[in-house]
Amino acid sequence: MPDTGATLNIPSIGDLDVNDYAEDTPVQYTALASGNFQFTITEYLSSATYITVKERQDSMYAARVEASFVPKQARAISVRLEGDILNCGQPGTANGQTTASLNPINGANHR
């Protein structure tokens, strides 16, 4: 994480406008829509594994096995996160949000 600790700030820029233009007339300028998505990390996951010293000594594939740890750990965490995201809904809600809400983000409704 950057120096912000457990809070991640992701700046966002909205879509730009396109206006009609006639030659020798001033162009129309519009303000840039921007915002900030802020996420605070409150839960942490880990995936860790090892092979024994004996297995490392006895296996001619030990380096290959150890090299597979990181991709397999990343996949395990991704599967867990995906499951957590898809299972976050409760009765009367859609993905953990009240269905009656317009889900406003940066002043724009997203539902």
Protein backbone atom coordinates (compact mmCIF):
# COMPACT_ATOMS: atom_id res chain seq x y z
CA MET A 1 0.00 0.00 0.00
CA PRO A 2 1.16 3.56 -0.55
CA ASP A 3 1.85 5.82 2.42
CA THR A 4 -1.87 6.04 3.17
CA GLY A 5 -1.73 2.87 5.27
CA ALA A 6 -4.80 0.67 4.87
CA THR A 7 -6.71 3.21 2.75
CA LEU A 8 -6.41 3.12 -1.02
CA ASN A 9 -7.46 6.17 -3.07
CA ILE A 10 -8.12 5.68 -6.77
CA PRO A 11 -8.79 8.88 -8.71
CA SER A 12 -11.33 8.62 -11.50
CA ILE A 13 -12.02 10.74 -14.56
CA GLY A 14 -15.45 10.80 -16.17
CA ASP A 15 -16.32 10.65 -19.84
CA LEU A 16 -15.61 13.72 -21.94
CA ASP A 17 -18.23 15.63 -23.90
CA VAL A 18 -18.24 16.03 -27.68
CA ASN A 19 -19.91 19.10 -29.12
CA ASP A 20 -20.73 20.22 -32.65
CA TYR A 21 -18.39 22.86 -34.02
CA ALA A 22 -18.66 25.33 -36.87
CA GLU A 23 -15.57 26.87 -38.44
CA ASP A 24 -14.55 30.30 -37.11
CA THR A 25 -16.72 29.99 -34.00
CA PRO A 26 -15.50 29.48 -30.45
CA VAL A 27 -15.37 25.93 -29.18
CA GLN A 28 -17.43 25.00 -26.14
CA TYR A 29 -15.42 24.01 -23.08
CA THR A 30 -16.92 21.72 -20.45
CA ALA A 31 -15.62 20.93 -16.99
CA LEU A 32 -13.89 17.61 -16.47
CA ALA A 33 -15.90 15.30 -14.22
CA SER A 34 -13.65 13.65 -11.67
CA GLY A 35 -13.96 11.77 -8.44
CA ASN A 36 -12.18 9.55 -5.99
CA PHE A 37 -12.88 5.94 -5.05
CA GLN A 38 -11.68 5.27 -1.53
CA PHE A 39 -11.26 1.75 -0.21
CA THR A 40 -10.23 0.86 3.32
CA ILE A 41 -8.79 -2.59 3.79
CA THR A 42 -10.19 -4.24 6.90
CA GLU A 43 -9.77 -7.91 6.05
CA TYR A 44 -6.66 -9.74 4.96
CA LEU A 45 -6.13 -13.09 3.25
CA SER A 46 -3.10 -15.30 2.92
CA SER A 47 -2.11 -18.43 1.09
CA ALA A 48 1.10 -20.11 2.17
CA THR A 49 2.60 -23.52 1.60
CA TYR A 50 5.91 -25.34 1.79
CA ILE A 51 7.65 -28.56 0.93
CA THR A 52 9.77 -30.39 3.45
CA VAL A 53 13.56 -30.40 3.31
CA LYS A 54 13.47 -34.14 2.67
CA GLU A 55 11.04 -33.70 -0.21
CA ARG A 56 13.22 -30.94 -1.67
CA GLN A 57 16.28 -33.19 -1.45
CA ASP A 58 14.56 -36.28 -2.83
CA SER A 59 12.58 -34.70 -5.65
CA MET A 60 14.18 -33.80 -8.93
CA TYR A 61 11.16 -31.54 -9.53
CA ALA A 62 11.54 -29.49 -6.31
CA ALA A 63 12.41 -26.25 -8.12
CA ARG A 64 9.46 -26.73 -10.47
CA VAL A 65 7.13 -27.40 -7.53
CA GLU A 66 8.36 -24.33 -5.66
CA ALA A 67 8.02 -22.17 -8.79
CA SER A 68 4.34 -23.16 -8.98
CA PHE A 69 3.60 -21.81 -5.47
CA VAL A 70 3.05 -18.14 -6.35
CA PRO A 71 0.67 -18.67 -9.30
CA LYS A 72 -1.29 -21.29 -7.34
CA GLN A 73 -1.48 -19.00 -4.29
CA ALA A 74 -2.68 -16.09 -6.43
CA ARG A 75 -5.33 -18.34 -7.97
CA ALA A 76 -6.46 -19.59 -4.55
CA ILE A 77 -6.87 -16.03 -3.26
CA SER A 78 -8.70 -14.98 -6.45
CA VAL A 79 -11.16 -17.88 -6.13
CA ARG A 80 -11.81 -16.97 -2.49
CA LEU A 81 -12.36 -13.28 -3.32
CA GLU A 82 -14.69 -14.10 -6.19
CA GLY A 83 -16.73 -16.38 -3.94
CA ASP A 84 -16.88 -13.74 -1.20
CA ILE A 85 -18.04 -11.09 -3.69
CA LEU A 86 -20.73 -13.31 -5.23
CA ASN A 87 -22.00 -14.46 -1.82
CA CYS A 88 -22.29 -11.03 -0.19
CA GLY A 89 -26.02 -10.63 -0.86
CA GLN A 90 -28.56 -11.01 1.91
CA PRO A 91 -32.35 -11.50 1.56
CA GLY A 92 -33.88 -8.26 0.24
CA THR A 93 -30.58 -6.98 -1.11
CA ALA A 94 -28.69 -7.20 -4.37
CA ASN A 95 -25.00 -7.88 -3.82
CA GLY A 96 -25.19 -6.48 -0.31
CA GLN A 97 -26.91 -3.24 -1.35
CA THR A 98 -30.53 -2.29 -0.78
CA THR A 99 -32.42 -2.78 -4.02
CA ALA A 100 -34.41 0.44 -3.43
CA SER A 101 -31.18 2.49 -3.52
CA LEU A 102 -30.13 4.16 -6.77
CA ASN A 103 -26.52 3.38 -5.77
CA PRO A 104 -25.17 6.92 -6.28
CA ILE A 105 -21.44 7.16 -6.96
CA ASN A 106 -19.85 10.59 -7.43
CA GLY A 107 -23.29 12.11 -7.91
CA ALA A 108 -24.41 9.69 -10.67
CA ASN A 109 -26.92 6.88 -10.16
CA HIS A 110 -25.57 3.44 -11.01
CA ARG A 111 -28.71 1.34 -10.70
